[in-house]
Amino acid sequence: ITYSSSGETAAMAYASVIDVMLLLIRDNAVLLALRSGTGFADGEWNVPSGKLEAGEDAAAALIRETREEIGLILDRASLTLASTVHFRNDRAEGRLGLFFRPQWWDGEPVNAEPHKCARIAWFPLDELPDNTYPYTRIGVDLYRRRENFAVSGWEPSKT
């Protein structure tokens, strides 16, 4: 809560990290990356992803992150917003995850960041590894169920 010059209370504007998450799906399998050497969620599987940077739109961020992490070229015209997750992690950080599915892409995925990723692999959509990061699991499960939004890690609102 903040106070205005008149002494009245005013709510603070909410700010959140916006993550762009790649749902690369082929033959009913999704590409996951095993995090390593990052200091956060190492040893857990995650979709290729990253944060929106200042001045970037969500599609541009996804295109950049995809090229940096797995070497693929995406066309923004191929992107569909598949699901959105408002996630609060175990560090109490709120994040908004936009899970995009490209209809097509150029190239074959490679582990382009071996200093952050131990390996990449395809997994059946309904058989994700037990050590899949919860944020990723929620986004993939929403896609599988043809649902598009979930909230996780937040206390239910009292209003």
C-alpha atoms as a PDB file:
ATOM      1  CA  ILE A   1       0.000   0.000   0.000  1.00  0.00           C
ATOM      2  CA  THR A   2       1.202   3.497  -0.792  1.00  0.00           C
ATOM      3  CA  TYR A   3      -0.121   6.809   0.404  1.00  0.00           C
ATOM      4  CA  SER A   4      -0.958   9.806  -1.731  1.00  0.00           C
ATOM      5  CA  SER A   5      -0.076  13.387  -0.797  1.00  0.00           C
ATOM      6  CA  SER A   6      -3.567  13.744   0.720  1.00  0.00           C
ATOM      7  CA  GLY A   7      -2.911  10.786   3.018  1.00  0.00           C
ATOM      8  CA  GLU A   8      -5.322   8.436   1.224  1.00  0.00           C
ATOM      9  CA  THR A   9      -4.212   4.916   0.466  1.00  0.00           C
ATOM     10  CA  ALA A  10      -3.654   3.857  -3.113  1.00  0.00           C
ATOM     11  CA  ALA A  11      -2.801   0.415  -4.452  1.00  0.00           C
ATOM     12  CA  MET A  12       0.618  -0.050  -6.008  1.00  0.00           C
ATOM     13  CA  ALA A  13       0.718  -1.122  -9.613  1.00  0.00           C
ATOM     14  CA  TYR A  14       1.622  -4.775 -10.052  1.00  0.00           C
ATOM     15  CA  ALA A  15       4.680  -5.663 -12.102  1.00  0.00           C
ATOM     16  CA  SER A  16       5.703  -9.134 -13.215  1.00  0.00           C
ATOM     17  CA  VAL A  17       8.377 -10.860 -15.236  1.00  0.00           C
ATOM     18  CA  ILE A  18       6.927 -12.033 -18.544  1.00  0.00           C
ATOM     19  CA  ASP A  19       8.303 -15.345 -19.740  1.00  0.00           C
ATOM     20  CA  VAL A  20       7.984 -16.579 -23.307  1.00  0.00           C
ATOM     21  CA  MET A  21       7.785 -20.364 -23.449  1.00  0.00           C
ATOM     22  CA  LEU A  22       8.202 -22.496 -26.572  1.00  0.00           C
ATOM     23  CA  LEU A  23       5.854 -25.441 -27.071  1.00  0.00           C
ATOM     24  CA  LEU A  24       7.745 -27.155 -29.866  1.00  0.00           C
ATOM     25  CA  ILE A  25       5.599 -30.168 -30.686  1.00  0.00           C
ATOM     26  CA  ARG A  26       6.257 -32.890 -33.225  1.00  0.00           C
ATOM     27  CA  ASP A  27       4.622 -36.336 -33.467  1.00  0.00           C
ATOM     28  CA  ASN A  28       2.700 -35.743 -30.213  1.00  0.00           C
ATOM     29  CA  ALA A  29       5.961 -35.053 -28.349  1.00  0.00           C
ATOM     30  CA  VAL A  30       7.286 -31.827 -26.845  1.00  0.00           C
ATOM     31  CA  LEU A  31      10.913 -30.676 -26.797  1.00  0.00           C
ATOM     32  CA  LEU A  32      12.314 -30.140 -23.303  1.00  0.00           C
ATOM     33  CA  ALA A  33      15.680 -28.858 -22.099  1.00  0.00           C
ATOM     34  CA  LEU A  34      17.419 -30.136 -18.950  1.00  0.00           C
ATOM     35  CA  ARG A  35      18.574 -27.087 -16.965  1.00  0.00           C
ATOM     36  CA  SER A  36      22.161 -27.124 -15.742  1.00  0.00           C
ATOM     37  CA  GLY A  37      24.604 -24.564 -14.358  1.00  0.00           C
ATOM     38  CA  THR A  38      22.073 -21.748 -13.984  1.00  0.00           C
ATOM     39  CA  GLY A  39      21.568 -21.768 -10.204  1.00  0.00           C
ATOM     40  CA  PHE A  40      17.804 -22.074 -10.600  1.00  0.00           C
ATOM     41  CA  ALA A  41      15.858 -25.296 -11.211  1.00  0.00           C
ATOM     42  CA  ASP A  42      19.013 -27.091 -12.316  1.00  0.00           C
ATOM     43  CA  GLY A  43      18.327 -30.776 -12.931  1.00  0.00           C
ATOM     44  CA  GLU A  44      14.752 -30.062 -14.027  1.00  0.00           C
ATOM     45  CA  TRP A  45      13.264 -30.216 -17.509  1.00  0.00           C
ATOM     46  CA  ASN A  46      11.807 -27.047 -18.971  1.00  0.00           C
ATOM     47  CA  VAL A  47      10.594 -25.910 -22.359  1.00  0.00           C
ATOM     48  CA  PRO A  48      13.002 -23.574 -24.161  1.00  0.00           C
ATOM     49  CA  SER A  49      12.112 -20.183 -22.724  1.00  0.00           C
ATOM     50  CA  GLY A  50      13.286 -16.791 -21.561  1.00  0.00           C
ATOM     51  CA  LYS A  51      12.278 -13.382 -20.307  1.00  0.00           C
ATOM     52  CA  LEU A  52      10.835 -10.521 -22.283  1.00  0.00           C
ATOM     53  CA  GLU A  53      13.424  -7.748 -22.512  1.00  0.00           C
ATOM     54  CA  ALA A  54      12.724  -4.011 -22.473  1.00  0.00           C
ATOM     55  CA  GLY A  55      11.429  -2.784 -25.825  1.00  0.00           C
ATOM     56  CA  GLU A  56      10.639  -6.298 -27.074  1.00  0.00           C
ATOM     57  CA  ASP A  57       7.234  -7.679 -27.970  1.00  0.00           C
ATOM     58  CA  ALA A  58       6.418 -11.242 -26.907  1.00  0.00           C
ATOM     59  CA  ALA A  59       6.809 -12.745 -30.396  1.00  0.00           C
ATOM     60  CA  ALA A  60      10.200 -11.085 -30.893  1.00  0.00           C
ATOM     61  CA  ALA A  61      11.345 -12.398 -27.499  1.00  0.00           C
ATOM     62  CA  LEU A  62      10.275 -15.944 -28.346  1.00  0.00           C
ATOM     63  CA  ILE A  63      11.994 -15.795 -31.735  1.00  0.00           C
ATOM     64  CA  ARG A  64      15.210 -14.529 -30.085  1.00  0.00           C
ATOM     65  CA  GLU A  65      15.167 -17.059 -27.238  1.00  0.00           C
ATOM     66  CA  THR A  66      14.450 -19.955 -29.610  1.00  0.00           C
ATOM     67  CA  ARG A  67      17.402 -19.015 -31.828  1.00  0.00           C
ATOM     68  CA  GLU A  68      19.704 -18.552 -28.807  1.00  0.00           C
ATOM     69  CA  GLU A  69      18.718 -21.758 -26.985  1.00  0.00           C
ATOM     70  CA  ILE A  70      18.014 -24.328 -29.693  1.00  0.00           C
ATOM     71  CA  GLY A  71      19.152 -22.719 -32.961  1.00  0.00           C
ATOM     72  CA  LEU A  72      15.766 -22.715 -34.719  1.00  0.00           C
ATOM     73  CA  ILE A  73      14.388 -19.908 -36.844  1.00  0.00           C
ATOM     74  CA  LEU A  74      10.739 -19.055 -36.165  1.00  0.00           C
ATOM     75  CA  ASP A  75       8.360 -16.960 -38.223  1.00  0.00           C
ATOM     76  CA  ARG A  76       6.021 -14.819 -36.129  1.00  0.00           C
ATOM     77  CA  ALA A  77       3.181 -15.695 -38.543  1.00  0.00           C
ATOM     78  CA  SER A  78       3.491 -19.334 -37.419  1.00  0.00           C
ATOM     79  CA  LEU A  79       2.981 -18.567 -33.702  1.00  0.00           C
ATOM     80  CA  THR A  80      -0.172 -19.355 -31.765  1.00  0.00           C
ATOM     81  CA  LEU A  81      -0.617 -18.476 -28.103  1.00  0.00           C
ATOM     82  CA  ALA A  82      -1.413 -21.926 -26.709  1.00  0.00           C
ATOM     83  CA  SER A  83      -1.672 -21.207 -22.976  1.00  0.00           C
ATOM     84  CA  THR A  84      -0.957 -18.617 -20.305  1.00  0.00           C
ATOM     85  CA  VAL A  85       0.149 -19.367 -16.748  1.00  0.00           C
ATOM     86  CA  HIS A  86       0.319 -16.832 -13.905  1.00  0.00           C
ATOM     87  CA  PHE A  87       2.878 -18.618 -11.758  1.00  0.00           C
ATOM     88  CA  ARG A  88       4.373 -17.858  -8.378  1.00  0.00           C
ATOM     89  CA  ASN A  89       7.510 -19.883  -7.728  1.00  0.00           C
ATOM     90  CA  ASP A  90       8.928 -21.145  -4.440  1.00  0.00           C
ATOM     91  CA  ARG A  91      10.889 -17.880  -4.116  1.00  0.00           C
ATOM     92  CA  ALA A  92       7.533 -15.992  -4.083  1.00  0.00           C
ATOM     93  CA  GLU A  93       8.329 -14.418  -7.475  1.00  0.00           C
ATOM     94  CA  GLY A  94       5.309 -13.819  -9.677  1.00  0.00           C
ATOM     95  CA  ARG A  95       5.718 -14.545 -13.389  1.00  0.00           C
ATOM     96  CA  LEU A  96       3.413 -14.538 -16.368  1.00  0.00           C
ATOM     97  CA  GLY A  97       4.218 -17.343 -18.806  1.00  0.00           C
ATOM     98  CA  LEU A  98       3.069 -17.095 -22.415  1.00  0.00           C
ATOM     99  CA  PHE A  99       3.285 -20.547 -24.017  1.00  0.00           C
ATOM    100  CA  PHE A 100       3.531 -20.250 -27.807  1.00  0.00           C
ATOM    101  CA  ARG A 101       3.258 -23.077 -30.304  1.00  0.00           C
ATOM    102  CA  PRO A 102       4.792 -22.532 -33.746  1.00  0.00           C
ATOM    103  CA  GLN A 103       3.015 -24.266 -36.629  1.00  0.00           C
ATOM    104  CA  TRP A 104       6.330 -24.504 -38.519  1.00  0.00           C
ATOM    105  CA  TRP A 105      10.016 -23.704 -38.035  1.00  0.00           C
ATOM    106  CA  ASP A 106      13.293 -23.798 -39.922  1.00  0.00           C
ATOM    107  CA  GLY A 107      16.049 -26.182 -38.832  1.00  0.00           C
ATOM    108  CA  GLU A 108      16.462 -28.982 -36.341  1.00  0.00           C
ATOM    109  CA  PRO A 109      16.792 -28.209 -32.635  1.00  0.00           C
ATOM    110  CA  VAL A 110      20.280 -28.354 -31.122  1.00  0.00           C
ATOM    111  CA  ASN A 111      21.557 -27.587 -27.636  1.00  0.00           C
ATOM    112  CA  ALA A 112      22.959 -24.141 -28.453  1.00  0.00           C
ATOM    113  CA  GLU A 113      23.606 -23.227 -24.780  1.00  0.00           C
ATOM    114  CA  PRO A 114      25.437 -26.219 -23.237  1.00  0.00           C
ATOM    115  CA  HIS A 115      26.590 -23.979 -20.353  1.00  0.00           C
ATOM    116  CA  LYS A 116      22.911 -23.646 -19.283  1.00  0.00           C
ATOM    117  CA  CYS A 117      21.464 -26.886 -20.608  1.00  0.00           C
ATOM    118  CA  ALA A 118      22.739 -30.445 -20.105  1.00  0.00           C
ATOM    119  CA  ARG A 119      20.707 -31.768 -23.049  1.00  0.00           C
ATOM    120  CA  ILE A 120      17.501 -31.490 -25.030  1.00  0.00           C
ATOM    121  CA  ALA A 121      15.076 -34.333 -25.733  1.00  0.00           C
ATOM    122  CA  TRP A 122      11.588 -35.059 -27.053  1.00  0.00           C
ATOM    123  CA  PHE A 123       8.979 -36.433 -24.624  1.00  0.00           C
ATOM    124  CA  PRO A 124       5.420 -37.638 -25.284  1.00  0.00           C
ATOM    125  CA  LEU A 125       2.982 -34.909 -24.237  1.00  0.00           C
ATOM    126  CA  ASP A 126       1.323 -37.263 -21.752  1.00  0.00           C
ATOM    127  CA  GLU A 127       4.595 -38.698 -20.336  1.00  0.00           C
ATOM    128  CA  LEU A 128       6.656 -35.769 -19.097  1.00  0.00           C
ATOM    129  CA  PRO A 129       9.591 -36.683 -16.835  1.00  0.00           C
ATOM    130  CA  ASP A 130       8.945 -36.565 -13.088  1.00  0.00           C
ATOM    131  CA  ASN A 131      11.535 -33.787 -12.782  1.00  0.00           C
ATOM    132  CA  THR A 132       9.715 -31.428 -15.151  1.00  0.00           C
ATOM    133  CA  TYR A 133       9.619 -27.916 -13.667  1.00  0.00           C
ATOM    134  CA  PRO A 134       6.031 -27.247 -12.419  1.00  0.00           C
ATOM    135  CA  TYR A 135       5.595 -24.070 -14.523  1.00  0.00           C
ATOM    136  CA  THR A 136       6.383 -26.074 -17.667  1.00  0.00           C
ATOM    137  CA  ARG A 137       4.167 -29.000 -16.661  1.00  0.00           C
ATOM    138  CA  ILE A 138       1.184 -26.683 -16.153  1.00  0.00           C
ATOM    139  CA  GLY A 139       1.619 -25.035 -19.569  1.00  0.00           C
ATOM    140  CA  VAL A 140       1.988 -28.380 -21.359  1.00  0.00           C
ATOM    141  CA  ASP A 141      -0.986 -29.873 -19.502  1.00  0.00           C
ATOM    142  CA  LEU A 142      -3.147 -26.871 -20.406  1.00  0.00           C
ATOM    143  CA  TYR A 143      -2.221 -27.356 -24.057  1.00  0.00           C
ATOM    144  CA  ARG A 144      -3.012 -31.098 -23.886  1.00  0.00           C
ATOM    145  CA  ARG A 145      -6.441 -30.388 -22.342  1.00  0.00           C
ATOM    146  CA  ARG A 146      -7.098 -27.581 -24.845  1.00  0.00           C
ATOM    147  CA  GLU A 147      -7.387 -25.104 -21.984  1.00  0.00           C
ATOM    148  CA  ASN A 148      -5.656 -21.762 -22.115  1.00  0.00           C
ATOM    149  CA  PHE A 149      -5.198 -20.285 -18.643  1.00  0.00           C
ATOM    150  CA  ALA A 150      -4.131 -21.296 -15.130  1.00  0.00           C
ATOM    151  CA  VAL A 151      -2.959 -19.671 -11.927  1.00  0.00           C
ATOM    152  CA  SER A 152      -0.486 -21.550  -9.738  1.00  0.00           C
ATOM    153  CA  GLY A 153       1.230 -20.695  -6.464  1.00  0.00           C
ATOM    154  CA  TRP A 154      -1.074 -17.832  -5.498  1.00  0.00           C
ATOM    155  CA  GLU A 155      -3.472 -17.734  -2.594  1.00  0.00           C
ATOM    156  CA  PRO A 156      -7.097 -17.479  -3.715  1.00  0.00           C
ATOM    157  CA  SER A 157      -8.370 -13.901  -3.674  1.00  0.00           C
ATOM    158  CA  LYS A 158     -10.749 -12.983  -0.878  1.00  0.00           C
ATOM    159  CA  THR A 159     -12.776 -10.684  -3.140  1.00  0.00           C
END
